[in-house]
Amino acid sequence: MKYLIVIEKTDNGFSAYVPDLPGCIAAGDTVEETEELMQGAIAMHIRGMREDGLEIPPPSIFKEVDVAVR
């Protein structure tokens, strides 16, 4: 499965979340570290949902768009 992650700059590094998996978050010093931590967080989050008998939401489809600003 592929889930969209949103990575945001913070005062002391980066934080990330998964819109399709509320409560699934991670934080790191670099974008790369945050992305790696999110992979583990997603896997752990889904395992926990399965253990609790919850339905795993399918990944939403997202598309980037180019915006011309004049």
PDB file of N, CA and C in Angstrom:
ATOM      1  N   MET A   1       0.833  -1.182   0.000  1.00  0.00           N
ATOM      2  CA  MET A   1       0.000   0.000   0.000  1.00  0.00           C
ATOM      3  C   MET A   1       0.872   1.236   0.000  1.00  0.00           C
ATOM      4  N   LYS A   2       0.358   2.279  -0.604  1.00  0.00           N
ATOM      5  CA  LYS A   2       1.058   3.562  -0.601  1.00  0.00           C
ATOM      6  C   LYS A   2       0.134   4.610  -0.010  1.00  0.00           C
ATOM      7  N   TYR A   3       0.573   5.218   1.079  1.00  0.00           N
ATOM      8  CA  TYR A   3      -0.183   6.294   1.717  1.00  0.00           C
ATOM      9  C   TYR A   3       0.553   7.606   1.523  1.00  0.00           C
ATOM     10  N   LEU A   4      -0.213   8.664   1.321  1.00  0.00           N
ATOM     11  CA  LEU A   4       0.349  10.000   1.252  1.00  0.00           C
ATOM     12  C   LEU A   4       0.782  10.421   2.645  1.00  0.00           C
ATOM     13  N   ILE A   5       1.979  10.961   2.767  1.00  0.00           N
ATOM     14  CA  ILE A   5       2.405  11.560   4.026  1.00  0.00           C
ATOM     15  C   ILE A   5       2.634  13.046   3.778  1.00  0.00           C
ATOM     16  N   VAL A   6       2.322  13.841   4.772  1.00  0.00           N
ATOM     17  CA  VAL A   6       2.548  15.284   4.707  1.00  0.00           C
ATOM     18  C   VAL A   6       3.674  15.592   5.683  1.00  0.00           C
ATOM     19  N   ILE A   7       4.745  16.172   5.162  1.00  0.00           N
ATOM     20  CA  ILE A   7       5.899  16.534   5.987  1.00  0.00           C
ATOM     21  C   ILE A   7       5.953  18.054   6.080  1.00  0.00           C
ATOM     22  N   GLU A   8       6.029  18.544   7.306  1.00  0.00           N
ATOM     23  CA  GLU A   8       6.058  19.979   7.540  1.00  0.00           C
ATOM     24  C   GLU A   8       7.301  20.363   8.327  1.00  0.00           C
ATOM     25  N   LYS A   9       7.852  21.512   8.007  1.00  0.00           N
ATOM     26  CA  LYS A   9       9.001  22.059   8.738  1.00  0.00           C
ATOM     27  C   LYS A   9       8.516  22.573  10.086  1.00  0.00           C
ATOM     28  N   THR A  10       9.277  22.276  11.136  1.00  0.00           N
ATOM     29  CA  THR A  10       8.980  22.783  12.470  1.00  0.00           C
ATOM     30  C   THR A  10      10.160  23.642  12.932  1.00  0.00           C
ATOM     31  N   ASP A  11      10.058  24.191  14.117  1.00  0.00           N
ATOM     32  CA  ASP A  11      11.141  25.020  14.652  1.00  0.00           C
ATOM     33  C   ASP A  11      12.433  24.238  14.859  1.00  0.00           C
ATOM     34  N   ASN A  12      12.310  22.923  15.112  1.00  0.00           N
ATOM     35  CA  ASN A  12      13.521  22.144  15.403  1.00  0.00           C
ATOM     36  C   ASN A  12      13.649  20.877  14.553  1.00  0.00           C
ATOM     37  N   GLY A  13      13.035  20.852  13.393  1.00  0.00           N
ATOM     38  CA  GLY A  13      13.142  19.683  12.516  1.00  0.00           C
ATOM     39  C   GLY A  13      11.944  19.576  11.602  1.00  0.00           C
ATOM     40  N   PHE A  14      11.367  18.378  11.549  1.00  0.00           N
ATOM     41  CA  PHE A  14      10.241  18.122  10.662  1.00  0.00           C
ATOM     42  C   PHE A  14       9.249  17.209  11.367  1.00  0.00           C
ATOM     43  N   SER A  15       7.980  17.378  11.043  1.00  0.00           N
ATOM     44  CA  SER A  15       6.959  16.466  11.541  1.00  0.00           C
ATOM     45  C   SER A  15       6.137  15.991  10.351  1.00  0.00           C
ATOM     46  N   ALA A  16       5.477  14.844  10.524  1.00  0.00           N
ATOM     47  CA  ALA A  16       4.708  14.274   9.422  1.00  0.00           C
ATOM     48  C   ALA A  16       3.451  13.609   9.956  1.00  0.00           C
ATOM     49  N   TYR A  17       2.457  13.524   9.080  1.00  0.00           N
ATOM     50  CA  TYR A  17       1.227  12.814   9.405  1.00  0.00           C
ATOM     51  C   TYR A  17       0.658  12.194   8.135  1.00  0.00           C
ATOM     52  N   VAL A  18      -0.298  11.296   8.336  1.00  0.00           N
ATOM     53  CA  VAL A  18      -0.948  10.590   7.231  1.00  0.00           C
ATOM     54  C   VAL A  18      -2.428  10.977   7.256  1.00  0.00           C
ATOM     55  N   PRO A  19      -2.910  11.739   6.271  1.00  0.00           N
ATOM     56  CA  PRO A  19      -4.318  12.140   6.282  1.00  0.00           C
ATOM     57  C   PRO A  19      -5.290  10.961   6.366  1.00  0.00           C
ATOM     58  N   ASP A  20      -4.955   9.837   5.773  1.00  0.00           N
ATOM     59  CA  ASP A  20      -5.840   8.669   5.774  1.00  0.00           C
ATOM     60  C   ASP A  20      -5.792   7.874   7.073  1.00  0.00           C
ATOM     61  N   LEU A  21      -4.821   8.145   7.934  1.00  0.00           N
ATOM     62  CA  LEU A  21      -4.658   7.394   9.181  1.00  0.00           C
ATOM     63  C   LEU A  21      -4.554   8.381  10.348  1.00  0.00           C
ATOM     64  N   PRO A  22      -5.679   8.944  10.793  1.00  0.00           N
ATOM     65  CA  PRO A  22      -5.635   9.922  11.881  1.00  0.00           C
ATOM     66  C   PRO A  22      -4.880   9.383  13.097  1.00  0.00           C
ATOM     67  N   GLY A  23      -4.005  10.216  13.631  1.00  0.00           N
ATOM     68  CA  GLY A  23      -3.211   9.836  14.794  1.00  0.00           C
ATOM     69  C   GLY A  23      -1.873   9.217  14.456  1.00  0.00           C
ATOM     70  N   CYS A  24      -1.633   8.964  13.182  1.00  0.00           N
ATOM     71  CA  CYS A  24      -0.359   8.377  12.752  1.00  0.00           C
ATOM     72  C   CYS A  24       0.599   9.520  12.435  1.00  0.00           C
ATOM     73  N   ILE A  25       1.586   9.723  13.314  1.00  0.00           N
ATOM     74  CA  ILE A  25       2.505  10.851  13.182  1.00  0.00           C
ATOM     75  C   ILE A  25       3.939  10.417  13.470  1.00  0.00           C
ATOM     76  N   ALA A  26       4.875  11.245  13.058  1.00  0.00           N
ATOM     77  CA  ALA A  26       6.288  11.030  13.373  1.00  0.00           C
ATOM     78  C   ALA A  26       6.998  12.372  13.261  1.00  0.00           C
ATOM     79  N   ALA A  27       8.172  12.455  13.867  1.00  0.00           N
ATOM     80  CA  ALA A  27       8.980  13.670  13.791  1.00  0.00           C
ATOM     81  C   ALA A  27      10.446  13.278  13.734  1.00  0.00           C
ATOM     82  N   GLY A  28      11.224  14.080  12.998  1.00  0.00           N
ATOM     83  CA  GLY A  28      12.651  13.807  12.879  1.00  0.00           C
ATOM     84  C   GLY A  28      13.429  15.079  12.637  1.00  0.00           C
ATOM     85  N   ASP A  29      14.741  14.924  12.586  1.00  0.00           N
ATOM     86  CA  ASP A  29      15.627  16.072  12.375  1.00  0.00           C
ATOM     87  C   ASP A  29      15.717  16.474  10.909  1.00  0.00           C
ATOM     88  N   THR A  30      15.532  15.508   9.995  1.00  0.00           N
ATOM     89  CA  THR A  30      15.628  15.770   8.559  1.00  0.00           C
ATOM     90  C   THR A  30      14.395  15.207   7.860  1.00  0.00           C
ATOM     91  N   VAL A  31      14.179  15.631   6.622  1.00  0.00           N
ATOM     92  CA  VAL A  31      13.075  15.087   5.830  1.00  0.00           C
ATOM     93  C   VAL A  31      13.264  13.584   5.665  1.00  0.00           C
ATOM     94  N   GLU A  32      14.481  13.167   5.376  1.00  0.00           N
ATOM     95  CA  GLU A  32      14.760  11.747   5.153  1.00  0.00           C
ATOM     96  C   GLU A  32      14.479  10.917   6.408  1.00  0.00           C
ATOM     97  N   GLU A  33      14.933  11.409   7.556  1.00  0.00           N
ATOM     98  CA  GLU A  33      14.693  10.694   8.806  1.00  0.00           C
ATOM     99  C   GLU A  33      13.194  10.634   9.106  1.00  0.00           C
ATOM    100  N   THR A  34      12.496  11.734   8.881  1.00  0.00           N
ATOM    101  CA  THR A  34      11.063  11.784   9.139  1.00  0.00           C
ATOM    102  C   THR A  34      10.320  10.809   8.235  1.00  0.00           C
ATOM    103  N   GLU A  35      10.702  10.749   6.966  1.00  0.00           N
ATOM    104  CA  GLU A  35      10.076   9.805   6.032  1.00  0.00           C
ATOM    105  C   GLU A  35      10.306   8.360   6.487  1.00  0.00           C
ATOM    106  N   GLU A  36      11.519   8.057   6.897  1.00  0.00           N
ATOM    107  CA  GLU A  36      11.841   6.703   7.367  1.00  0.00           C
ATOM    108  C   GLU A  36      11.034   6.360   8.627  1.00  0.00           C
ATOM    109  N   LEU A  37      10.949   7.302   9.548  1.00  0.00           N
ATOM    110  CA  LEU A  37      10.179   7.075  10.767  1.00  0.00           C
ATOM    111  C   LEU A  37       8.691   6.894  10.456  1.00  0.00           C
ATOM    112  N   MET A  38       8.188   7.627   9.455  1.00  0.00           N
ATOM    113  CA  MET A  38       6.785   7.495   9.070  1.00  0.00           C
ATOM    114  C   MET A  38       6.492   6.106   8.509  1.00  0.00           C
ATOM    115  N   GLN A  39       7.422   5.525   7.778  1.00  0.00           N
ATOM    116  CA  GLN A  39       7.211   4.164   7.252  1.00  0.00           C
ATOM    117  C   GLN A  39       6.974   3.200   8.408  1.00  0.00           C
ATOM    118  N   GLY A  40       7.775   3.308   9.447  1.00  0.00           N
ATOM    119  CA  GLY A  40       7.595   2.464  10.617  1.00  0.00           C
ATOM    120  C   GLY A  40       6.315   2.791  11.370  1.00  0.00           C
ATOM    121  N   ALA A  41       5.994   4.080  11.466  1.00  0.00           N
ATOM    122  CA  ALA A  41       4.785   4.500  12.172  1.00  0.00           C
ATOM    123  C   ALA A  41       3.529   3.986  11.465  1.00  0.00           C
ATOM    124  N   ILE A  42       3.529   4.033  10.142  1.00  0.00           N
ATOM    125  CA  ILE A  42       2.375   3.537   9.379  1.00  0.00           C
ATOM    126  C   ILE A  42       2.205   2.036   9.609  1.00  0.00           C
ATOM    127  N   ALA A  43       3.289   1.291   9.517  1.00  0.00           N
ATOM    128  CA  ALA A  43       3.220  -0.158   9.724  1.00  0.00           C
ATOM    129  C   ALA A  43       2.704  -0.469  11.130  1.00  0.00           C
ATOM    130  N   MET A  44       3.209   0.228  12.138  1.00  0.00           N
ATOM    131  CA  MET A  44       2.781  -0.003  13.513  1.00  0.00           C
ATOM    132  C   MET A  44       1.313   0.391  13.693  1.00  0.00           C
ATOM    133  N   HIS A  45       0.916   1.500  13.100  1.00  0.00           N
ATOM    134  CA  HIS A  45      -0.460   1.973  13.202  1.00  0.00           C
ATOM    135  C   HIS A  45      -1.429   0.946  12.602  1.00  0.00           C
ATOM    136  N   ILE A  46      -1.089   0.431  11.418  1.00  0.00           N
ATOM    137  CA  ILE A  46      -1.950  -0.554  10.757  1.00  0.00           C
ATOM    138  C   ILE A  46      -1.991  -1.853  11.552  1.00  0.00           C
ATOM    139  N   ARG A  47      -0.856  -2.301  12.087  1.00  0.00           N
ATOM    140  CA  ARG A  47      -0.856  -3.504  12.932  1.00  0.00           C
ATOM    141  C   ARG A  47      -1.781  -3.323  14.133  1.00  0.00           C
ATOM    142  N   GLY A  48      -1.701  -2.162  14.761  1.00  0.00           N
ATOM    143  CA  GLY A  48      -2.548  -1.876  15.908  1.00  0.00           C
ATOM    144  C   GLY A  48      -4.023  -1.867  15.544  1.00  0.00           C
ATOM    145  N   MET A  49      -4.355  -1.284  14.400  1.00  0.00           N
ATOM    146  CA  MET A  49      -5.751  -1.266  13.956  1.00  0.00           C
ATOM    147  C   MET A  49      -6.249  -2.692  13.713  1.00  0.00           C
ATOM    148  N   ARG A  50      -5.404  -3.512  13.085  1.00  0.00           N
ATOM    149  CA  ARG A  50      -5.788  -4.916  12.839  1.00  0.00           C
ATOM    150  C   ARG A  50      -6.003  -5.660  14.157  1.00  0.00           C
ATOM    151  N   GLU A  51      -5.104  -5.464  15.108  1.00  0.00           N
ATOM    152  CA  GLU A  51      -5.234  -6.122  16.414  1.00  0.00           C
ATOM    153  C   GLU A  51      -6.515  -5.705  17.125  1.00  0.00           C
ATOM    154  N   ASP A  52      -6.945  -4.470  16.906  1.00  0.00           N
ATOM    155  CA  ASP A  52      -8.168  -3.957  17.529  1.00  0.00           C
ATOM    156  C   ASP A  52      -9.417  -4.294  16.712  1.00  0.00           C
ATOM    157  N   GLY A  53      -9.220  -4.986  15.586  1.00  0.00           N
ATOM    158  CA  GLY A  53     -10.353  -5.375  14.748  1.00  0.00           C
ATOM    159  C   GLY A  53     -10.959  -4.229  13.955  1.00  0.00           C
ATOM    160  N   LEU A  54     -10.174  -3.175  13.758  1.00  0.00           N
ATOM    161  CA  LEU A  54     -10.660  -2.017  13.011  1.00  0.00           C
ATOM    162  C   LEU A  54     -10.407  -2.186  11.519  1.00  0.00           C
ATOM    163  N   GLU A  55     -11.247  -1.572  10.731  1.00  0.00           N
ATOM    164  CA  GLU A  55     -11.083  -1.599   9.282  1.00  0.00           C
ATOM    165  C   GLU A  55      -9.943  -0.665   8.890  1.00  0.00           C
ATOM    166  N   ILE A  56      -9.070  -1.141   8.015  1.00  0.00           N
ATOM    167  CA  ILE A  56      -7.948  -0.326   7.541  1.00  0.00           C
ATOM    168  C   ILE A  56      -8.444   0.525   6.376  1.00  0.00           C
ATOM    169  N   PRO A  57      -8.364   1.850   6.501  1.00  0.00           N
ATOM    170  CA  PRO A  57      -8.837   2.676   5.387  1.00  0.00           C
ATOM    171  C   PRO A  57      -7.916   2.548   4.182  1.00  0.00           C
ATOM    172  N   PRO A  58      -8.507   2.429   3.000  1.00  0.00           N
ATOM    173  CA  PRO A  58      -7.660   2.371   1.806  1.00  0.00           C
ATOM    174  C   PRO A  58      -7.012   3.731   1.571  1.00  0.00           C
ATOM    175  N   PRO A  59      -5.853   3.733   0.946  1.00  0.00           N
ATOM    176  CA  PRO A  59      -5.221   5.019   0.644  1.00  0.00           C
ATOM    177  C   PRO A  59      -6.101   5.840  -0.295  1.00  0.00           C
ATOM    178  N   SER A  60      -6.195   7.132  -0.023  1.00  0.00           N
ATOM    179  CA  SER A  60      -6.898   8.045  -0.923  1.00  0.00           C
ATOM    180  C   SER A  60      -6.001   8.344  -2.109  1.00  0.00           C
ATOM    181  N   ILE A  61      -6.594   8.821  -3.144  1.00  0.00           N
ATOM    182  CA  ILE A  61      -5.823   9.209  -4.322  1.00  0.00           C
ATOM    183  C   ILE A  61      -5.585  10.708  -4.251  1.00  0.00           C
ATOM    184  N   PHE A  62      -4.326  11.096  -4.342  1.00  0.00           N
ATOM    185  CA  PHE A  62      -3.956  12.500  -4.305  1.00  0.00           C
ATOM    186  C   PHE A  62      -3.159  12.831  -5.559  1.00  0.00           C
ATOM    187  N   LYS A  63      -3.264  14.050  -6.000  1.00  0.00           N
ATOM    188  CA  LYS A  63      -2.512  14.498  -7.161  1.00  0.00           C
ATOM    189  C   LYS A  63      -1.957  15.879  -6.876  1.00  0.00           C
ATOM    190  N   GLU A  64      -0.707  16.062  -7.228  1.00  0.00           N
ATOM    191  CA  GLU A  64      -0.108  17.378  -7.136  1.00  0.00           C
ATOM    192  C   GLU A  64      -0.565  18.203  -8.353  1.00  0.00           C
ATOM    193  N   VAL A  65      -0.688  19.497  -8.156  1.00  0.00           N
ATOM    194  CA  VAL A  65      -1.044  20.369  -9.267  1.00  0.00           C
ATOM    195  C   VAL A  65      -0.024  21.508  -9.354  1.00  0.00           C
ATOM    196  N   ASP A  66       0.234  21.946 -10.562  1.00  0.00           N
ATOM    197  CA  ASP A  66       1.088  23.101 -10.780  1.00  0.00           C
ATOM    198  C   ASP A  66       0.216  24.349 -10.764  1.00  0.00           C
ATOM    199  N   VAL A  67       0.678  25.386 -10.090  1.00  0.00           N
ATOM    200  CA  VAL A  67      -0.066  26.632 -10.001  1.00  0.00           C
ATOM    201  C   VAL A  67       0.811  27.761 -10.505  1.00  0.00           C
ATOM    202  N   ALA A  68       0.300  28.494 -11.472  1.00  0.00           N
ATOM    203  CA  ALA A  68       1.019  29.654 -11.991  1.00  0.00           C
ATOM    204  C   ALA A  68       0.562  30.881 -11.218  1.00  0.00           C
ATOM    205  N   VAL A  69       1.492  31.531 -10.547  1.00  0.00           N
ATOM    206  CA  VAL A  69       1.179  32.734  -9.792  1.00  0.00           C
ATOM    207  C   VAL A  69       1.792  33.926 -10.532  1.00  0.00           C
ATOM    208  N   ARG A  70       0.959  34.894 -10.788  1.00  0.00           N
ATOM    209  CA  ARG A  70       1.450  36.073 -11.527  1.00  0.00           C
ATOM    210  C   ARG A  70       1.458  37.287 -10.664  1.00  0.00           C
TER     211      ARG A  70
END
